[in-house]
Amino acid sequence: DNPTLKIQIGSHTDARGTDRYNIWLSNRRVKRTLDYLVAKGIDANRLEGEGFGENQLTNECDDHTYCKEEQHRENRRSEFVVIF
């Protein structure tokens, strides 16, 4: 509805897996999110994205901490920021 807005997508993973794998996985998550939005009619020039891997966890579930599956799930996400 507002063709002047831009959207920035940041994708994240949990801390399981290697750093390299998690960067790859979050970049893949960004690409698939961008592809989905473009397929829904959003102009690709209005979109940008970045994969952060496990570098921005939302909780204490790092490589050295035991966490339940629900806690790991909180870190597997894509965040959308509207840029004017």
PDB file of N, CA and C in Angstrom:
ATOM      1  N   ASP A   1       0.812  -1.207   0.000  1.00  0.00           N
ATOM      2  CA  ASP A   1       0.000   0.000   0.000  1.00  0.00           C
ATOM      3  C   ASP A   1       0.853   1.267   0.000  1.00  0.00           C
ATOM      4  N   ASN A   2       2.093   1.174   0.483  1.00  0.00           N
ATOM      5  CA  ASN A   2       2.964   2.347   0.539  1.00  0.00           C
ATOM      6  C   ASN A   2       4.271   2.043  -0.205  1.00  0.00           C
ATOM      7  N   PRO A   3       4.333   2.391  -1.474  1.00  0.00           N
ATOM      8  CA  PRO A   3       5.487   2.008  -2.295  1.00  0.00           C
ATOM      9  C   PRO A   3       6.776   2.730  -1.970  1.00  0.00           C
ATOM     10  N   THR A   4       6.775   3.689  -1.049  1.00  0.00           N
ATOM     11  CA  THR A   4       8.008   4.394  -0.702  1.00  0.00           C
ATOM     12  C   THR A   4       8.738   3.749   0.472  1.00  0.00           C
ATOM     13  N   LEU A   5       8.089   2.860   1.188  1.00  0.00           N
ATOM     14  CA  LEU A   5       8.731   2.198   2.325  1.00  0.00           C
ATOM     15  C   LEU A   5       9.706   1.132   1.863  1.00  0.00           C
ATOM     16  N   LYS A   6      10.794   1.005   2.596  1.00  0.00           N
ATOM     17  CA  LYS A   6      11.752  -0.079   2.372  1.00  0.00           C
ATOM     18  C   LYS A   6      11.716  -0.979   3.591  1.00  0.00           C
ATOM     19  N   ILE A   7      12.018  -2.247   3.384  1.00  0.00           N
ATOM     20  CA  ILE A   7      12.017  -3.218   4.465  1.00  0.00           C
ATOM     21  C   ILE A   7      13.390  -3.851   4.568  1.00  0.00           C
ATOM     22  N   GLN A   8      13.916  -3.867   5.768  1.00  0.00           N
ATOM     23  CA  GLN A   8      15.187  -4.535   6.052  1.00  0.00           C
ATOM     24  C   GLN A   8      14.878  -5.809   6.836  1.00  0.00           C
ATOM     25  N   ILE A   9      15.396  -6.928   6.351  1.00  0.00           N
ATOM     26  CA  ILE A   9      15.161  -8.218   6.990  1.00  0.00           C
ATOM     27  C   ILE A   9      16.461  -8.725   7.585  1.00  0.00           C
ATOM     28  N   GLY A  10      16.420  -9.067   8.848  1.00  0.00           N
ATOM     29  CA  GLY A  10      17.564  -9.672   9.525  1.00  0.00           C
ATOM     30  C   GLY A  10      17.178 -11.071   9.971  1.00  0.00           C
ATOM     31  N   SER A  11      17.923 -12.074   9.538  1.00  0.00           N
ATOM     32  CA  SER A  11      17.609 -13.453   9.898  1.00  0.00           C
ATOM     33  C   SER A  11      18.657 -14.011  10.846  1.00  0.00           C
ATOM     34  N   HIS A  12      18.202 -14.878  11.751  1.00  0.00           N
ATOM     35  CA  HIS A  12      19.025 -15.378  12.842  1.00  0.00           C
ATOM     36  C   HIS A  12      18.844 -16.888  13.001  1.00  0.00           C
ATOM     37  N   THR A  13      19.791 -17.504  13.670  1.00  0.00           N
ATOM     38  CA  THR A  13      19.712 -18.928  13.988  1.00  0.00           C
ATOM     39  C   THR A  13      19.922 -19.114  15.487  1.00  0.00           C
ATOM     40  N   ASP A  14      19.703 -20.350  15.941  1.00  0.00           N
ATOM     41  CA  ASP A  14      20.096 -20.661  17.309  1.00  0.00           C
ATOM     42  C   ASP A  14      21.591 -20.952  17.324  1.00  0.00           C
ATOM     43  N   ALA A  15      22.143 -21.270  18.498  1.00  0.00           N
ATOM     44  CA  ALA A  15      23.589 -21.442  18.630  1.00  0.00           C
ATOM     45  C   ALA A  15      24.066 -22.855  18.314  1.00  0.00           C
ATOM     46  N   ARG A  16      23.149 -23.748  18.019  1.00  0.00           N
ATOM     47  CA  ARG A  16      23.583 -25.096  17.679  1.00  0.00           C
ATOM     48  C   ARG A  16      24.147 -25.102  16.269  1.00  0.00           C
ATOM     49  N   GLY A  17      25.141 -25.919  16.036  1.00  0.00           N
ATOM     50  CA  GLY A  17      25.815 -25.927  14.740  1.00  0.00           C
ATOM     51  C   GLY A  17      27.024 -25.006  14.789  1.00  0.00           C
ATOM     52  N   THR A  18      27.840 -25.093  13.755  1.00  0.00           N
ATOM     53  CA  THR A  18      29.043 -24.262  13.710  1.00  0.00           C
ATOM     54  C   THR A  18      28.686 -22.827  13.328  1.00  0.00           C
ATOM     55  N   ASP A  19      29.578 -21.909  13.644  1.00  0.00           N
ATOM     56  CA  ASP A  19      29.364 -20.513  13.264  1.00  0.00           C
ATOM     57  C   ASP A  19      29.193 -20.387  11.748  1.00  0.00           C
ATOM     58  N   ARG A  20      30.037 -21.090  11.016  1.00  0.00           N
ATOM     59  CA  ARG A  20      29.988 -21.033   9.548  1.00  0.00           C
ATOM     60  C   ARG A  20      28.645 -21.540   9.016  1.00  0.00           C
ATOM     61  N   TYR A  21      28.192 -22.665   9.551  1.00  0.00           N
ATOM     62  CA  TYR A  21      26.902 -23.218   9.121  1.00  0.00           C
ATOM     63  C   TYR A  21      25.768 -22.249   9.456  1.00  0.00           C
ATOM     64  N   ASN A  22      25.806 -21.652  10.644  1.00  0.00           N
ATOM     65  CA  ASN A  22      24.727 -20.760  11.047  1.00  0.00           C
ATOM     66  C   ASN A  22      24.673 -19.489  10.214  1.00  0.00           C
ATOM     67  N   ILE A  23      25.828 -18.983   9.797  1.00  0.00           N
ATOM     68  CA  ILE A  23      25.826 -17.834   8.877  1.00  0.00           C
ATOM     69  C   ILE A  23      25.205 -18.250   7.545  1.00  0.00           C
ATOM     70  N   TRP A  24      25.607 -19.416   7.037  1.00  0.00           N
ATOM     71  CA  TRP A  24      25.028 -19.913   5.787  1.00  0.00           C
ATOM     72  C   TRP A  24      23.513 -20.063   5.924  1.00  0.00           C
ATOM     73  N   LEU A  25      23.074 -20.657   7.021  1.00  0.00           N
ATOM     74  CA  LEU A  25      21.648 -20.905   7.238  1.00  0.00           C
ATOM     75  C   LEU A  25      20.869 -19.599   7.346  1.00  0.00           C
ATOM     76  N   SER A  26      21.380 -18.632   8.065  1.00  0.00           N
ATOM     77  CA  SER A  26      20.656 -17.367   8.195  1.00  0.00           C
ATOM     78  C   SER A  26      20.641 -16.604   6.871  1.00  0.00           C
ATOM     79  N   ASN A  27      21.697 -16.689   6.081  1.00  0.00           N
ATOM     80  CA  ASN A  27      21.686 -16.070   4.749  1.00  0.00           C
ATOM     81  C   ASN A  27      20.665 -16.748   3.840  1.00  0.00           C
ATOM     82  N   ARG A  28      20.542 -18.057   3.951  1.00  0.00           N
ATOM     83  CA  ARG A  28      19.522 -18.782   3.182  1.00  0.00           C
ATOM     84  C   ARG A  28      18.124 -18.356   3.630  1.00  0.00           C
ATOM     85  N   ARG A  29      17.949 -18.169   4.924  1.00  0.00           N
ATOM     86  CA  ARG A  29      16.654 -17.728   5.456  1.00  0.00           C
ATOM     87  C   ARG A  29      16.304 -16.343   4.918  1.00  0.00           C
ATOM     88  N   VAL A  30      17.291 -15.449   4.852  1.00  0.00           N
ATOM     89  CA  VAL A  30      17.062 -14.116   4.275  1.00  0.00           C
ATOM     90  C   VAL A  30      16.649 -14.244   2.818  1.00  0.00           C
ATOM     91  N   LYS A  31      17.383 -15.032   2.052  1.00  0.00           N
ATOM     92  CA  LYS A  31      17.080 -15.166   0.625  1.00  0.00           C
ATOM     93  C   LYS A  31      15.680 -15.703   0.400  1.00  0.00           C
ATOM     94  N   ARG A  32      15.308 -16.712   1.143  1.00  0.00           N
ATOM     95  CA  ARG A  32      13.964 -17.282   0.978  1.00  0.00           C
ATOM     96  C   ARG A  32      12.877 -16.294   1.399  1.00  0.00           C
ATOM     97  N   THR A  33      13.141 -15.511   2.412  1.00  0.00           N
ATOM     98  CA  THR A  33      12.185 -14.489   2.833  1.00  0.00           C
ATOM     99  C   THR A  33      12.042 -13.424   1.751  1.00  0.00           C
ATOM    100  N   LEU A  34      13.171 -12.973   1.201  1.00  0.00           N
ATOM    101  CA  LEU A  34      13.132 -11.991   0.118  1.00  0.00           C
ATOM    102  C   LEU A  34      12.401 -12.548  -1.100  1.00  0.00           C
ATOM    103  N   ASP A  35      12.708 -13.783  -1.477  1.00  0.00           N
ATOM    104  CA  ASP A  35      12.046 -14.413  -2.624  1.00  0.00           C
ATOM    105  C   ASP A  35      10.536 -14.489  -2.408  1.00  0.00           C
ATOM    106  N   TYR A  36      10.123 -14.817  -1.191  1.00  0.00           N
ATOM    107  CA  TYR A  36       8.694 -14.915  -0.872  1.00  0.00           C
ATOM    108  C   TYR A  36       8.015 -13.558  -1.043  1.00  0.00           C
ATOM    109  N   LEU A  37       8.634 -12.510  -0.506  1.00  0.00           N
ATOM    110  CA  LEU A  37       8.035 -11.183  -0.597  1.00  0.00           C
ATOM    111  C   LEU A  37       7.962 -10.691  -2.037  1.00  0.00           C
ATOM    112  N   VAL A  38       8.997 -10.961  -2.817  1.00  0.00           N
ATOM    113  CA  VAL A  38       8.982 -10.581  -4.233  1.00  0.00           C
ATOM    114  C   VAL A  38       7.877 -11.343  -4.967  1.00  0.00           C
ATOM    115  N   ALA A  39       7.717 -12.626  -4.660  1.00  0.00           N
ATOM    116  CA  ALA A  39       6.655 -13.426  -5.284  1.00  0.00           C
ATOM    117  C   ALA A  39       5.270 -12.899  -4.922  1.00  0.00           C
ATOM    118  N   LYS A  40       5.156 -12.229  -3.792  1.00  0.00           N
ATOM    119  CA  LYS A  40       3.880 -11.645  -3.351  1.00  0.00           C
ATOM    120  C   LYS A  40       3.673 -10.234  -3.904  1.00  0.00           C
ATOM    121  N   GLY A  41       4.625  -9.764  -4.750  1.00  0.00           N
ATOM    122  CA  GLY A  41       4.433  -8.495  -5.436  1.00  0.00           C
ATOM    123  C   GLY A  41       5.204  -7.313  -4.876  1.00  0.00           C
ATOM    124  N   ILE A  42       6.063  -7.528  -3.879  1.00  0.00           N
ATOM    125  CA  ILE A  42       6.877  -6.436  -3.350  1.00  0.00           C
ATOM    126  C   ILE A  42       8.081  -6.236  -4.265  1.00  0.00           C
ATOM    127  N   ASP A  43       8.325  -5.002  -4.674  1.00  0.00           N
ATOM    128  CA  ASP A  43       9.463  -4.684  -5.544  1.00  0.00           C
ATOM    129  C   ASP A  43      10.772  -4.997  -4.810  1.00  0.00           C
ATOM    130  N   ALA A  44      11.641  -5.770  -5.443  1.00  0.00           N
ATOM    131  CA  ALA A  44      12.906  -6.178  -4.835  1.00  0.00           C
ATOM    132  C   ALA A  44      13.779  -4.979  -4.456  1.00  0.00           C
ATOM    133  N   ASN A  45      13.624  -3.855  -5.130  1.00  0.00           N
ATOM    134  CA  ASN A  45      14.405  -2.652  -4.800  1.00  0.00           C
ATOM    135  C   ASN A  45      14.024  -2.060  -3.449  1.00  0.00           C
ATOM    136  N   ARG A  46      12.891  -2.488  -2.917  1.00  0.00           N
ATOM    137  CA  ARG A  46      12.438  -2.000  -1.612  1.00  0.00           C
ATOM    138  C   ARG A  46      12.874  -2.910  -0.476  1.00  0.00           C
ATOM    139  N   LEU A  47      13.616  -3.964  -0.782  1.00  0.00           N
ATOM    140  CA  LEU A  47      13.987  -4.961   0.214  1.00  0.00           C
ATOM    141  C   LEU A  47      15.498  -5.082   0.341  1.00  0.00           C
ATOM    142  N   GLU A  48      15.946  -5.290   1.570  1.00  0.00           N
ATOM    143  CA  GLU A  48      17.345  -5.623   1.801  1.00  0.00           C
ATOM    144  C   GLU A  48      17.388  -6.597   2.966  1.00  0.00           C
ATOM    145  N   GLY A  49      18.434  -7.381   3.017  1.00  0.00           N
ATOM    146  CA  GLY A  49      18.510  -8.370   4.086  1.00  0.00           C
ATOM    147  C   GLY A  49      19.927  -8.711   4.465  1.00  0.00           C
ATOM    148  N   GLU A  50      20.039  -9.265   5.683  1.00  0.00           N
ATOM    149  CA  GLU A  50      21.343  -9.685   6.193  1.00  0.00           C
ATOM    150  C   GLU A  50      21.149 -10.864   7.132  1.00  0.00           C
ATOM    151  N   GLY A  51      22.045 -11.845   7.010  1.00  0.00           N
ATOM    152  CA  GLY A  51      22.028 -12.986   7.914  1.00  0.00           C
ATOM    153  C   GLY A  51      23.035 -12.781   9.031  1.00  0.00           C
ATOM    154  N   PHE A  52      22.610 -13.009  10.261  1.00  0.00           N
ATOM    155  CA  PHE A  52      23.461 -12.783  11.428  1.00  0.00           C
ATOM    156  C   PHE A  52      23.913 -14.065  12.104  1.00  0.00           C
ATOM    157  N   GLY A  53      23.445 -15.214  11.637  1.00  0.00           N
ATOM    158  CA  GLY A  53      23.818 -16.461  12.290  1.00  0.00           C
ATOM    159  C   GLY A  53      23.385 -16.462  13.732  1.00  0.00           C
ATOM    160  N   GLU A  54      24.306 -16.846  14.619  1.00  0.00           N
ATOM    161  CA  GLU A  54      23.996 -16.908  16.047  1.00  0.00           C
ATOM    162  C   GLU A  54      24.568 -15.712  16.806  1.00  0.00           C
ATOM    163  N   ASN A  55      24.852 -14.622  16.113  1.00  0.00           N
ATOM    164  CA  ASN A  55      25.517 -13.477  16.727  1.00  0.00           C
ATOM    165  C   ASN A  55      24.609 -12.561  17.535  1.00  0.00           C
ATOM    166  N   GLN A  56      23.291 -12.706  17.406  1.00  0.00           N
ATOM    167  CA  GLN A  56      22.369 -11.834  18.131  1.00  0.00           C
ATOM    168  C   GLN A  56      21.277 -12.672  18.799  1.00  0.00           C
ATOM    169  N   LEU A  57      21.674 -13.486  19.733  1.00  0.00           N
ATOM    170  CA  LEU A  57      20.723 -14.341  20.434  1.00  0.00           C
ATOM    171  C   LEU A  57      19.788 -13.505  21.298  1.00  0.00           C
ATOM    172  N   THR A  58      18.549 -13.966  21.466  1.00  0.00           N
ATOM    173  CA  THR A  58      17.576 -13.245  22.285  1.00  0.00           C
ATOM    174  C   THR A  58      17.579 -13.722  23.729  1.00  0.00           C
ATOM    175  N   ASN A  59      18.351 -14.753  24.021  1.00  0.00           N
ATOM    176  CA  ASN A  59      18.404 -15.311  25.375  1.00  0.00           C
ATOM    177  C   ASN A  59      19.811 -15.849  25.644  1.00  0.00           C
ATOM    178  N   GLU A  60      19.964 -16.593  26.725  1.00  0.00           N
ATOM    179  CA  GLU A  60      21.283 -17.085  27.163  1.00  0.00           C
ATOM    180  C   GLU A  60      21.719 -18.374  26.476  1.00  0.00           C
ATOM    181  N   CYS A  61      21.023 -18.837  25.470  1.00  0.00           N
ATOM    182  CA  CYS A  61      21.272 -20.149  24.858  1.00  0.00           C
ATOM    183  C   CYS A  61      22.440 -20.126  23.880  1.00  0.00           C
ATOM    184  N   ASP A  62      23.646 -19.920  24.396  1.00  0.00           N
ATOM    185  CA  ASP A  62      24.829 -19.918  23.550  1.00  0.00           C
ATOM    186  C   ASP A  62      25.422 -21.325  23.455  1.00  0.00           C
ATOM    187  N   ASP A  63      26.615 -21.425  22.907  1.00  0.00           N
ATOM    188  CA  ASP A  63      27.260 -22.726  22.698  1.00  0.00           C
ATOM    189  C   ASP A  63      27.582 -23.465  23.998  1.00  0.00           C
ATOM    190  N   HIS A  64      27.593 -22.766  25.110  1.00  0.00           N
ATOM    191  CA  HIS A  64      28.032 -23.365  26.374  1.00  0.00           C
ATOM    192  C   HIS A  64      26.913 -23.542  27.393  1.00  0.00           C
ATOM    193  N   THR A  65      25.677 -23.302  26.992  1.00  0.00           N
ATOM    194  CA  THR A  65      24.558 -23.337  27.926  1.00  0.00           C
ATOM    195  C   THR A  65      23.507 -24.325  27.437  1.00  0.00           C
ATOM    196  N   TYR A  66      23.063 -25.210  28.330  1.00  0.00           N
ATOM    197  CA  TYR A  66      21.977 -26.121  27.975  1.00  0.00           C
ATOM    198  C   TYR A  66      20.663 -25.346  27.973  1.00  0.00           C
ATOM    199  N   CYS A  67      19.877 -25.549  26.928  1.00  0.00           N
ATOM    200  CA  CYS A  67      18.568 -24.912  26.835  1.00  0.00           C
ATOM    201  C   CYS A  67      17.561 -25.910  26.259  1.00  0.00           C
ATOM    202  N   LYS A  68      16.320 -25.716  26.615  1.00  0.00           N
ATOM    203  CA  LYS A  68      15.239 -26.528  26.061  1.00  0.00           C
ATOM    204  C   LYS A  68      14.979 -26.090  24.622  1.00  0.00           C
ATOM    205  N   GLU A  69      14.322 -26.963  23.866  1.00  0.00           N
ATOM    206  CA  GLU A  69      14.027 -26.691  22.464  1.00  0.00           C
ATOM    207  C   GLU A  69      13.260 -25.381  22.289  1.00  0.00           C
ATOM    208  N   GLU A  70      12.308 -25.113  23.170  1.00  0.00           N
ATOM    209  CA  GLU A  70      11.522 -23.876  23.050  1.00  0.00           C
ATOM    210  C   GLU A  70      12.416 -22.640  23.130  1.00  0.00           C
ATOM    211  N   GLN A  71      13.452 -22.715  23.956  1.00  0.00           N
ATOM    212  CA  GLN A  71      14.374 -21.587  24.081  1.00  0.00           C
ATOM    213  C   GLN A  71      15.220 -21.419  22.823  1.00  0.00           C
ATOM    214  N   HIS A  72      15.682 -22.520  22.252  1.00  0.00           N
ATOM    215  CA  HIS A  72      16.430 -22.429  20.991  1.00  0.00           C
ATOM    216  C   HIS A  72      15.537 -21.859  19.890  1.00  0.00           C
ATOM    217  N   ARG A  73      14.280 -22.251  19.884  1.00  0.00           N
ATOM    218  CA  ARG A  73      13.338 -21.806  18.851  1.00  0.00           C
ATOM    219  C   ARG A  73      13.205 -20.284  18.850  1.00  0.00           C
ATOM    220  N   GLU A  74      13.303 -19.649  20.018  1.00  0.00           N
ATOM    221  CA  GLU A  74      13.193 -18.190  20.097  1.00  0.00           C
ATOM    222  C   GLU A  74      14.275 -17.493  19.279  1.00  0.00           C
ATOM    223  N   ASN A  75      15.413 -18.125  19.121  1.00  0.00           N
ATOM    224  CA  ASN A  75      16.520 -17.512  18.392  1.00  0.00           C
ATOM    225  C   ASN A  75      16.428 -17.716  16.889  1.00  0.00           C
ATOM    226  N   ARG A  76      15.658 -18.671  16.435  1.00  0.00           N
ATOM    227  CA  ARG A  76      15.494 -18.922  14.990  1.00  0.00           C
ATOM    228  C   ARG A  76      14.374 -18.016  14.487  1.00  0.00           C
ATOM    229  N   ARG A  77      14.764 -16.907  13.844  1.00  0.00           N
ATOM    230  CA  ARG A  77      13.761 -15.917  13.489  1.00  0.00           C
ATOM    231  C   ARG A  77      14.248 -15.030  12.351  1.00  0.00           C
ATOM    232  N   SER A  78      13.291 -14.333  11.762  1.00  0.00           N
ATOM    233  CA  SER A  78      13.573 -13.218  10.856  1.00  0.00           C
ATOM    234  C   SER A  78      12.863 -12.001  11.428  1.00  0.00           C
ATOM    235  N   GLU A  79      13.584 -10.911  11.454  1.00  0.00           N
ATOM    236  CA  GLU A  79      13.025  -9.650  11.960  1.00  0.00           C
ATOM    237  C   GLU A  79      12.894  -8.670  10.815  1.00  0.00           C
ATOM    238  N   PHE A  80      11.818  -7.904  10.832  1.00  0.00           N
ATOM    239  CA  PHE A  80      11.541  -6.938   9.796  1.00  0.00           C
ATOM    240  C   PHE A  80      11.596  -5.528  10.382  1.00  0.00           C
ATOM    241  N   VAL A  81      12.341  -4.654   9.721  1.00  0.00           N
ATOM    242  CA  VAL A  81      12.431  -3.261  10.135  1.00  0.00           C
ATOM    243  C   VAL A  81      11.988  -2.415   8.954  1.00  0.00           C
ATOM    244  N   VAL A  82      11.027  -1.534   9.182  1.00  0.00           N
ATOM    245  CA  VAL A  82      10.537  -0.636   8.140  1.00  0.00           C
ATOM    246  C   VAL A  82      11.440   0.587   8.119  1.00  0.00           C
ATOM    247  N   ILE A  83      11.958   0.893   6.945  1.00  0.00           N
ATOM    248  CA  ILE A  83      12.833   2.051   6.737  1.00  0.00           C
ATOM    249  C   ILE A  83      12.070   3.057   5.883  1.00  0.00           C
ATOM    250  N   PHE A  84      11.989   4.277   6.349  1.00  0.00           N
ATOM    251  CA  PHE A  84      11.239   5.296   5.597  1.00  0.00           C
ATOM    252  C   PHE A  84      12.096   6.000   4.587  1.00  0.00           C
TER     253      PHE A  84
END
